[in-house]
């Protein structure tokens, strides 16, 4: 199972989840907010560092990935043309993550914040853990 953990109150993160859902016809991914019981449990199980909490986190094959590495691994699992972005994983992570961190640091100001976590529609509920 490939689990995407996301900030459920961040509009950019919710938009990203919706982006993934529309481009994942094989339903490779399931989702949980970082604020959910499942999200908190997975964070603890994988000893995810605090600085990763401002990030999309991918739990895949018993390993956790965050920041740009998570995003690129997610793109690799989507329908074409998105897997074509995966070779950027060869760029040094300190460069990729610097760009990721810049956007993450401004995401609430640029995209806004919700008062509560995103609730999936009834059709999508099965893809959300803890829903």
Protein backbone atom coordinates (compact mmCIF):
# COMPACT_ATOMS: atom_id res chain seq x y z
CA UNK A 1 0.00 0.00 0.00
CA UNK A 2 1.23 3.49 -0.87
CA UNK A 3 0.01 6.04 1.65
CA UNK A 4 0.22 9.78 1.14
CA UNK A 5 0.18 11.77 4.37
CA UNK A 6 -0.78 15.41 3.88
CA UNK A 7 -1.55 18.50 5.91
CA UNK A 8 -5.35 18.39 5.96
CA UNK A 9 -5.73 22.11 6.70
CA UNK A 10 -3.35 23.31 3.96
CA UNK A 11 -5.14 24.28 0.75
CA UNK A 12 -2.08 23.53 -1.40
CA UNK A 13 -1.79 20.05 0.12
CA UNK A 14 -5.50 19.37 -0.43
CA UNK A 15 -5.16 20.56 -4.05
CA UNK A 16 -2.20 18.18 -4.46
CA UNK A 17 -4.28 15.27 -3.13
CA UNK A 18 -7.04 16.12 -5.60
CA UNK A 19 -4.43 16.36 -8.38
CA UNK A 20 -3.16 12.86 -7.49
CA UNK A 21 -6.66 11.37 -7.33
CA UNK A 22 -7.50 12.65 -10.84
CA UNK A 23 -4.26 11.22 -12.26
CA UNK A 24 -4.29 7.89 -10.42
CA UNK A 25 -6.87 5.77 -12.29
CA UNK A 26 -5.21 2.58 -11.00
CA UNK A 27 -5.79 3.83 -7.44
CA UNK A 28 -2.19 3.22 -6.42
CA UNK A 29 -2.44 5.68 -3.55
CA UNK A 30 -4.51 6.03 -0.39
CA UNK A 31 -4.49 9.08 1.83
CA UNK A 32 -4.44 10.18 5.45
CA UNK A 33 -4.04 13.62 6.93
CA UNK A 34 -1.07 14.27 9.19
CA UNK A 35 -3.60 15.27 11.85
CA UNK A 36 -5.47 11.94 11.76
CA UNK A 37 -4.93 9.00 14.08
CA UNK A 38 -3.43 6.98 11.20
CA UNK A 39 -1.17 9.90 10.24
CA UNK A 40 0.13 10.31 13.78
CA UNK A 41 0.67 6.54 14.11
CA UNK A 42 2.64 6.31 10.85
CA UNK A 43 4.75 9.33 11.81
CA UNK A 44 5.69 7.57 15.03
CA UNK A 45 6.28 4.18 13.41
CA UNK A 46 8.64 5.63 10.83
CA UNK A 47 10.37 8.12 13.16
CA UNK A 48 9.62 10.94 10.73
CA UNK A 49 11.51 14.08 11.81
CA UNK A 50 9.69 17.24 12.83
CA UNK A 51 10.90 19.24 9.84
CA UNK A 52 9.12 16.77 7.55
CA UNK A 53 5.78 17.76 9.04
CA UNK A 54 5.56 20.71 6.62
CA UNK A 55 5.75 18.20 3.80
CA UNK A 56 3.86 15.62 1.84
CA UNK A 57 4.97 12.25 3.20
CA UNK A 58 4.84 9.01 1.23
CA UNK A 59 4.88 5.68 3.06
CA UNK A 60 5.75 2.96 0.55
CA UNK A 61 7.14 -0.56 0.98
CA UNK A 62 7.74 -0.01 4.69
CA UNK A 63 9.75 3.19 4.13
CA UNK A 64 8.84 6.85 4.50
CA UNK A 65 9.86 9.60 2.09
CA UNK A 66 9.20 13.33 2.40
CA UNK A 67 9.73 16.63 0.68
CA UNK A 68 10.86 16.50 -2.96
CA UNK A 69 11.67 12.79 -2.86
CA UNK A 70 8.09 11.98 -1.83
CA UNK A 71 6.65 14.26 -4.51
CA UNK A 72 8.80 12.73 -7.25
CA UNK A 73 7.99 9.16 -6.15
CA UNK A 74 4.30 10.09 -6.21
CA UNK A 75 4.62 11.54 -9.73
CA UNK A 76 6.25 8.27 -10.80
CA UNK A 77 3.07 6.41 -9.76
CA UNK A 78 0.66 8.58 -11.75
CA UNK A 79 -0.62 8.34 -15.31
CA UNK A 80 1.52 9.80 -18.12
CA UNK A 81 3.12 12.30 -18.52
CA UNK A 82 3.84 12.76 -14.78
CA UNK A 83 6.33 9.86 -14.38
CA UNK A 84 8.63 11.82 -16.73
CA UNK A 85 9.43 14.08 -13.77
CA UNK A 86 10.95 11.23 -11.76
CA UNK A 87 14.49 11.59 -13.21
CA UNK A 88 14.76 14.86 -11.25
CA UNK A 89 15.38 12.56 -8.29
CA UNK A 90 18.96 12.42 -9.62
CA UNK A 91 19.44 16.11 -8.79
CA UNK A 92 21.02 16.68 -5.38
CA UNK A 93 18.36 16.53 -2.67
CA UNK A 94 19.65 19.69 -0.98
CA UNK A 95 18.73 21.64 -4.15
CA UNK A 96 15.38 19.89 -4.67
CA UNK A 97 14.47 20.25 -1.00
CA UNK A 98 15.47 23.93 -0.90
CA UNK A 99 12.85 24.66 -3.56
CA UNK A 100 10.34 22.42 -1.77
CA UNK A 101 11.04 24.15 1.58
CA UNK A 102 10.59 27.61 0.03
CA UNK A 103 7.12 26.70 -1.25
CA UNK A 104 6.23 24.91 2.02
CA UNK A 105 7.25 27.94 4.08
CA UNK A 106 4.87 30.16 2.11
CA UNK A 107 2.03 27.73 1.38
CA UNK A 108 -0.46 29.12 3.90
CA UNK A 109 0.16 32.72 2.80
CA UNK A 110 -0.07 31.90 -0.93
CA UNK A 111 -2.82 29.26 -0.92
CA UNK A 112 -4.60 29.71 2.40
CA UNK A 113 -5.50 27.45 5.25
CA UNK A 114 -8.70 25.64 6.18
CA UNK A 115 -10.31 25.67 9.61
CA UNK A 116 -10.66 21.89 9.55
CA UNK A 117 -9.30 18.91 7.65
CA UNK A 118 -10.58 18.02 4.20
CA UNK A 119 -13.49 15.58 4.17
CA UNK A 120 -13.58 13.20 1.20
CA UNK A 121 -16.68 12.83 -0.91
CA UNK A 122 -18.66 9.61 -0.40
CA UNK A 123 -17.20 8.21 -3.67
CA UNK A 124 -13.62 8.79 -2.48
CA UNK A 125 -14.06 7.78 1.15
CA UNK A 126 -12.60 4.30 0.59
CA UNK A 127 -9.27 5.87 -0.45
CA UNK A 128 -8.96 7.84 2.79
CA UNK A 129 -7.80 6.09 5.91
CA UNK A 130 -9.61 7.18 9.09
CA UNK A 131 -12.59 8.55 7.18
